[in-house]
């Protein structure tokens, strides 16, 4: 062996290099688990929880204008209503009897006016002839005026009773 020193160095380097390349068994690599999911587009809304009271924009206090027993309720709490819709009704029996009584009073006062008017006309015809006194004439005239006033009062009472009978229905003032 007598070669060049560079050949010897080369051979030794090659031998050192090859001796480090042994056949060691490498451990197999562990594969990481991967989960697969199909992606789909969706709307995303943030959930918010709040505390508070929900109130109507407009609140109206409603009540009947007359007293009585409620016989019919057409709506419940939370129902939508339209303007002028009937919400509830009262029993009209008592108010109808008031109307009937007022009508009877008007008829009675009309008869009284007719009677006092006839008496006044008689006194009016008798006064110029001297067959009656001024006192009797004045009394007949006062009775006629009184009966006419009583008739006007009875007619007003009848109109009031009819108006109250119209208040037996409770209407919604506005839609809601």
C-alpha atoms as a PDB file:
ATOM      1  CA  UNK A   1       0.000   0.000   0.000  1.00  0.00           C
ATOM      2  CA  UNK A   2       1.962   2.646  -0.895  1.00  0.00           C
ATOM      3  CA  UNK A   3      -0.164   5.069  -2.638  1.00  0.00           C
ATOM      4  CA  UNK A   4      -0.667   8.594  -2.440  1.00  0.00           C
ATOM      5  CA  UNK A   5      -1.569  10.054   0.821  1.00  0.00           C
ATOM      6  CA  UNK A   6      -4.556  11.769  -0.709  1.00  0.00           C
ATOM      7  CA  UNK A   7      -5.944   8.437  -1.873  1.00  0.00           C
ATOM      8  CA  UNK A   8      -5.505   7.031   1.611  1.00  0.00           C
ATOM      9  CA  UNK A   9      -7.238  10.016   3.180  1.00  0.00           C
ATOM     10  CA  UNK A  10      -9.990   9.688   0.676  1.00  0.00           C
ATOM     11  CA  UNK A  11     -10.440   5.997   1.409  1.00  0.00           C
ATOM     12  CA  UNK A  12     -10.477   6.576   5.145  1.00  0.00           C
ATOM     13  CA  UNK A  13     -13.046   9.381   4.818  1.00  0.00           C
ATOM     14  CA  UNK A  14     -15.190   7.160   2.655  1.00  0.00           C
ATOM     15  CA  UNK A  15     -14.919   4.342   5.167  1.00  0.00           C
ATOM     16  CA  UNK A  16     -15.899   6.662   8.050  1.00  0.00           C
ATOM     17  CA  UNK A  17     -18.798   7.948   6.071  1.00  0.00           C
ATOM     18  CA  UNK A  18     -20.064   4.510   5.172  1.00  0.00           C
ATOM     19  CA  UNK A  19     -19.689   3.187   8.709  1.00  0.00           C
ATOM     20  CA  UNK A  20     -22.158   5.870   9.982  1.00  0.00           C
ATOM     21  CA  UNK A  21     -24.837   4.759   7.507  1.00  0.00           C
ATOM     22  CA  UNK A  22     -25.897   1.624   9.203  1.00  0.00           C
ATOM     23  CA  UNK A  23     -29.311   0.015   8.904  1.00  0.00           C
ATOM     24  CA  UNK A  24     -31.083   1.115  12.015  1.00  0.00           C
ATOM     25  CA  UNK A  25     -34.791   0.594  12.092  1.00  0.00           C
ATOM     26  CA  UNK A  26     -36.628   3.891  12.256  1.00  0.00           C
ATOM     27  CA  UNK A  27     -39.833   3.970  14.317  1.00  0.00           C
ATOM     28  CA  UNK A  28     -42.915   4.352  12.200  1.00  0.00           C
ATOM     29  CA  UNK A  29     -44.483   7.849  12.316  1.00  0.00           C
ATOM     30  CA  UNK A  30     -47.745   8.257  14.224  1.00  0.00           C
ATOM     31  CA  UNK A  31     -50.380   9.846  12.024  1.00  0.00           C
ATOM     32  CA  UNK A  32     -52.417  12.589  13.688  1.00  0.00           C
ATOM     33  CA  UNK A  33     -56.176  12.038  13.779  1.00  0.00           C
ATOM     34  CA  UNK A  34     -58.062  14.454  11.565  1.00  0.00           C
ATOM     35  CA  UNK A  35     -61.817  15.102  11.865  1.00  0.00           C
ATOM     36  CA  UNK A  36     -63.627  16.077   8.688  1.00  0.00           C
ATOM     37  CA  UNK A  37     -66.813  18.161   8.564  1.00  0.00           C
ATOM     38  CA  UNK A  38     -68.702  19.490   5.585  1.00  0.00           C
ATOM     39  CA  UNK A  39     -68.942  23.276   5.572  1.00  0.00           C
ATOM     40  CA  UNK A  40     -72.311  24.844   4.813  1.00  0.00           C
ATOM     41  CA  UNK A  41     -73.162  28.555   4.710  1.00  0.00           C
ATOM     42  CA  UNK A  42     -75.616  29.645   7.465  1.00  0.00           C
ATOM     43  CA  UNK A  43     -76.827  32.900   8.957  1.00  0.00           C
ATOM     44  CA  UNK A  44     -75.177  33.745  12.204  1.00  0.00           C
ATOM     45  CA  UNK A  45     -77.179  35.645  14.775  1.00  0.00           C
ATOM     46  CA  UNK A  46     -75.859  36.611  18.129  1.00  0.00           C
ATOM     47  CA  UNK A  47     -78.192  35.508  20.933  1.00  0.00           C
ATOM     48  CA  UNK A  48     -78.913  38.323  23.365  1.00  0.00           C
ATOM     49  CA  UNK A  49     -80.849  37.930  26.604  1.00  0.00           C
ATOM     50  CA  UNK A  50     -82.407  41.092  28.008  1.00  0.00           C
ATOM     51  CA  UNK A  51     -84.664  41.885  30.935  1.00  0.00           C
ATOM     52  CA  UNK A  52     -87.546  44.331  30.633  1.00  0.00           C
ATOM     53  CA  UNK A  53     -91.244  44.994  30.217  1.00  0.00           C
ATOM     54  CA  UNK A  54     -93.041  45.015  26.896  1.00  0.00           C
ATOM     55  CA  UNK A  55     -95.722  47.678  26.749  1.00  0.00           C
ATOM     56  CA  UNK A  56     -98.058  48.908  24.063  1.00  0.00           C
ATOM     57  CA  UNK A  57     -97.126  52.108  22.302  1.00  0.00           C
ATOM     58  CA  UNK A  58    -100.525  53.583  23.136  1.00  0.00           C
ATOM     59  CA  UNK A  59    -102.555  52.582  26.179  1.00  0.00           C
ATOM     60  CA  UNK A  60    -106.173  53.589  26.604  1.00  0.00           C
ATOM     61  CA  UNK A  61    -108.180  53.244  29.779  1.00  0.00           C
ATOM     62  CA  UNK A  62    -111.663  52.132  28.810  1.00  0.00           C
ATOM     63  CA  UNK A  63    -114.739  51.760  30.961  1.00  0.00           C
ATOM     64  CA  UNK A  64    -118.484  51.661  30.642  1.00  0.00           C
ATOM     65  CA  UNK A  65    -120.285  54.963  31.182  1.00  0.00           C
ATOM     66  CA  UNK A  66    -123.055  53.196  33.089  1.00  0.00           C
ATOM     67  CA  UNK A  67    -123.059  50.470  35.688  1.00  0.00           C
ATOM     68  CA  UNK A  68    -124.308  46.966  35.108  1.00  0.00           C
ATOM     69  CA  UNK A  69    -123.495  43.300  34.754  1.00  0.00           C
ATOM     70  CA  UNK A  70    -121.209  42.249  31.892  1.00  0.00           C
ATOM     71  CA  UNK A  71    -123.035  39.637  29.830  1.00  0.00           C
ATOM     72  CA  UNK A  72    -120.640  39.267  26.915  1.00  0.00           C
ATOM     73  CA  UNK A  73    -116.896  39.768  26.406  1.00  0.00           C
ATOM     74  CA  UNK A  74    -115.842  39.663  22.768  1.00  0.00           C
ATOM     75  CA  UNK A  75    -112.037  39.842  23.170  1.00  0.00           C
ATOM     76  CA  UNK A  76    -109.356  38.477  25.479  1.00  0.00           C
ATOM     77  CA  UNK A  77    -106.142  40.011  26.755  1.00  0.00           C
ATOM     78  CA  UNK A  78    -103.614  40.192  23.927  1.00  0.00           C
ATOM     79  CA  UNK A  79    -106.156  40.031  21.082  1.00  0.00           C
ATOM     80  CA  UNK A  80    -105.811  42.457  18.191  1.00  0.00           C
ATOM     81  CA  UNK A  81    -108.762  44.827  17.850  1.00  0.00           C
ATOM     82  CA  UNK A  82    -109.874  47.352  15.277  1.00  0.00           C
ATOM     83  CA  UNK A  83    -111.255  50.814  15.923  1.00  0.00           C
ATOM     84  CA  UNK A  84    -114.964  50.880  16.832  1.00  0.00           C
ATOM     85  CA  UNK A  85    -114.941  47.112  17.535  1.00  0.00           C
ATOM     86  CA  UNK A  86    -117.285  46.027  20.348  1.00  0.00           C
ATOM     87  CA  UNK A  87    -115.190  44.746  23.253  1.00  0.00           C
ATOM     88  CA  UNK A  88    -117.888  43.906  25.810  1.00  0.00           C
ATOM     89  CA  UNK A  89    -121.610  44.330  26.485  1.00  0.00           C
ATOM     90  CA  UNK A  90    -123.619  45.025  29.627  1.00  0.00           C
ATOM     91  CA  UNK A  91    -127.005  43.527  30.462  1.00  0.00           C
ATOM     92  CA  UNK A  92    -129.458  46.115  29.039  1.00  0.00           C
ATOM     93  CA  UNK A  93    -132.535  44.948  31.020  1.00  0.00           C
ATOM     94  CA  UNK A  94    -132.366  47.610  33.753  1.00  0.00           C
ATOM     95  CA  UNK A  95    -131.602  50.399  31.315  1.00  0.00           C
ATOM     96  CA  UNK A  96    -134.350  49.234  28.949  1.00  0.00           C
ATOM     97  CA  UNK A  97    -136.829  49.341  31.829  1.00  0.00           C
ATOM     98  CA  UNK A  98    -135.673  52.930  32.504  1.00  0.00           C
ATOM     99  CA  UNK A  99    -136.439  53.778  28.862  1.00  0.00           C
ATOM    100  CA  UNK A 100    -139.851  52.117  29.091  1.00  0.00           C
ATOM    101  CA  UNK A 101    -140.634  53.997  32.309  1.00  0.00           C
ATOM    102  CA  UNK A 102    -139.534  57.306  30.787  1.00  0.00           C
ATOM    103  CA  UNK A 103    -141.708  56.656  27.719  1.00  0.00           C
ATOM    104  CA  UNK A 104    -144.700  56.002  29.968  1.00  0.00           C
ATOM    105  CA  UNK A 105    -143.966  59.223  31.848  1.00  0.00           C
ATOM    106  CA  UNK A 106    -143.899  61.155  28.550  1.00  0.00           C
ATOM    107  CA  UNK A 107    -147.272  59.682  27.551  1.00  0.00           C
ATOM    108  CA  UNK A 108    -148.719  60.605  30.961  1.00  0.00           C
ATOM    109  CA  UNK A 109    -147.386  64.164  30.727  1.00  0.00           C
ATOM    110  CA  UNK A 110    -148.751  64.518  27.194  1.00  0.00           C
ATOM    111  CA  UNK A 111    -152.198  63.552  28.507  1.00  0.00           C
ATOM    112  CA  UNK A 112    -151.822  66.038  31.360  1.00  0.00           C
ATOM    113  CA  UNK A 113    -150.828  68.801  28.935  1.00  0.00           C
ATOM    114  CA  UNK A 114    -153.846  67.989  26.784  1.00  0.00           C
ATOM    115  CA  UNK A 115    -156.129  68.129  29.841  1.00  0.00           C
ATOM    116  CA  UNK A 116    -154.683  71.381  31.223  1.00  0.00           C
ATOM    117  CA  UNK A 117    -154.725  72.953  27.763  1.00  0.00           C
ATOM    118  CA  UNK A 118    -158.430  72.161  27.424  1.00  0.00           C
ATOM    119  CA  UNK A 119    -159.098  73.610  30.898  1.00  0.00           C
ATOM    120  CA  UNK A 120    -157.163  76.754  30.016  1.00  0.00           C
ATOM    121  CA  UNK A 121    -159.070  77.191  26.735  1.00  0.00           C
ATOM    122  CA  UNK A 122    -162.366  76.932  28.670  1.00  0.00           C
ATOM    123  CA  UNK A 123    -161.178  79.532  31.185  1.00  0.00           C
ATOM    124  CA  UNK A 124    -159.997  81.721  28.331  1.00  0.00           C
ATOM    125  CA  UNK A 125    -163.480  81.631  26.721  1.00  0.00           C
ATOM    126  CA  UNK A 126    -165.317  82.186  30.010  1.00  0.00           C
ATOM    127  CA  UNK A 127    -163.189  85.112  31.260  1.00  0.00           C
ATOM    128  CA  UNK A 128    -164.411  87.768  28.759  1.00  0.00           C
ATOM    129  CA  UNK A 129    -168.049  86.861  29.482  1.00  0.00           C
ATOM    130  CA  UNK A 130    -167.437  87.142  33.220  1.00  0.00           C
ATOM    131  CA  UNK A 131    -168.318  83.522  33.971  1.00  0.00           C
ATOM    132  CA  UNK A 132    -164.937  82.872  35.653  1.00  0.00           C
ATOM    133  CA  UNK A 133    -162.562  84.852  37.804  1.00  0.00           C
ATOM    134  CA  UNK A 134    -159.074  86.025  36.959  1.00  0.00           C
ATOM    135  CA  UNK A 135    -157.828  83.759  39.709  1.00  0.00           C
ATOM    136  CA  UNK A 136    -159.335  80.675  38.038  1.00  0.00           C
ATOM    137  CA  UNK A 137    -157.935  81.810  34.699  1.00  0.00           C
ATOM    138  CA  UNK A 138    -154.445  82.326  36.197  1.00  0.00           C
ATOM    139  CA  UNK A 139    -154.616  78.932  37.904  1.00  0.00           C
ATOM    140  CA  UNK A 140    -155.507  77.230  34.614  1.00  0.00           C
ATOM    141  CA  UNK A 141    -152.707  79.070  32.830  1.00  0.00           C
ATOM    142  CA  UNK A 142    -150.168  78.079  35.527  1.00  0.00           C
ATOM    143  CA  UNK A 143    -151.342  74.466  35.390  1.00  0.00           C
ATOM    144  CA  UNK A 144    -150.849  74.445  31.604  1.00  0.00           C
ATOM    145  CA  UNK A 145    -147.345  75.896  31.888  1.00  0.00           C
ATOM    146  CA  UNK A 146    -146.490  73.456  34.669  1.00  0.00           C
ATOM    147  CA  UNK A 147    -147.700  70.486  32.655  1.00  0.00           C
ATOM    148  CA  UNK A 148    -145.759  71.688  29.594  1.00  0.00           C
ATOM    149  CA  UNK A 149    -142.602  71.946  31.729  1.00  0.00           C
ATOM    150  CA  UNK A 150    -143.231  68.492  33.170  1.00  0.00           C
ATOM    151  CA  UNK A 151    -143.627  67.144  29.618  1.00  0.00           C
ATOM    152  CA  UNK A 152    -140.322  68.739  28.580  1.00  0.00           C
ATOM    153  CA  UNK A 153    -138.635  67.221  31.648  1.00  0.00           C
ATOM    154  CA  UNK A 154    -140.112  63.788  30.881  1.00  0.00           C
ATOM    155  CA  UNK A 155    -138.903  64.042  27.275  1.00  0.00           C
ATOM    156  CA  UNK A 156    -135.410  64.978  28.482  1.00  0.00           C
ATOM    157  CA  UNK A 157    -135.458  62.055  30.902  1.00  0.00           C
ATOM    158  CA  UNK A 158    -136.481  59.743  28.043  1.00  0.00           C
ATOM    159  CA  UNK A 159    -133.633  61.044  25.872  1.00  0.00           C
ATOM    160  CA  UNK A 160    -131.208  60.500  28.769  1.00  0.00           C
ATOM    161  CA  UNK A 161    -132.498  56.953  29.349  1.00  0.00           C
ATOM    162  CA  UNK A 162    -132.100  56.145  25.644  1.00  0.00           C
ATOM    163  CA  UNK A 163    -128.577  57.558  25.671  1.00  0.00           C
ATOM    164  CA  UNK A 164    -127.649  55.444  28.689  1.00  0.00           C
ATOM    165  CA  UNK A 165    -129.085  52.377  26.966  1.00  0.00           C
ATOM    166  CA  UNK A 166    -126.647  53.090  24.123  1.00  0.00           C
ATOM    167  CA  UNK A 167    -123.751  52.897  26.588  1.00  0.00           C
ATOM    168  CA  UNK A 168    -124.252  49.171  27.212  1.00  0.00           C
ATOM    169  CA  UNK A 169    -121.608  48.364  24.579  1.00  0.00           C
ATOM    170  CA  UNK A 170    -117.920  49.161  25.115  1.00  0.00           C
ATOM    171  CA  UNK A 171    -116.085  50.058  21.907  1.00  0.00           C
ATOM    172  CA  UNK A 172    -112.361  50.196  21.109  1.00  0.00           C
ATOM    173  CA  UNK A 173    -111.284  53.774  20.477  1.00  0.00           C
ATOM    174  CA  UNK A 174    -108.287  52.862  18.316  1.00  0.00           C
ATOM    175  CA  UNK A 175    -106.879  49.777  16.616  1.00  0.00           C
ATOM    176  CA  UNK A 176    -104.316  47.772  18.526  1.00  0.00           C
END
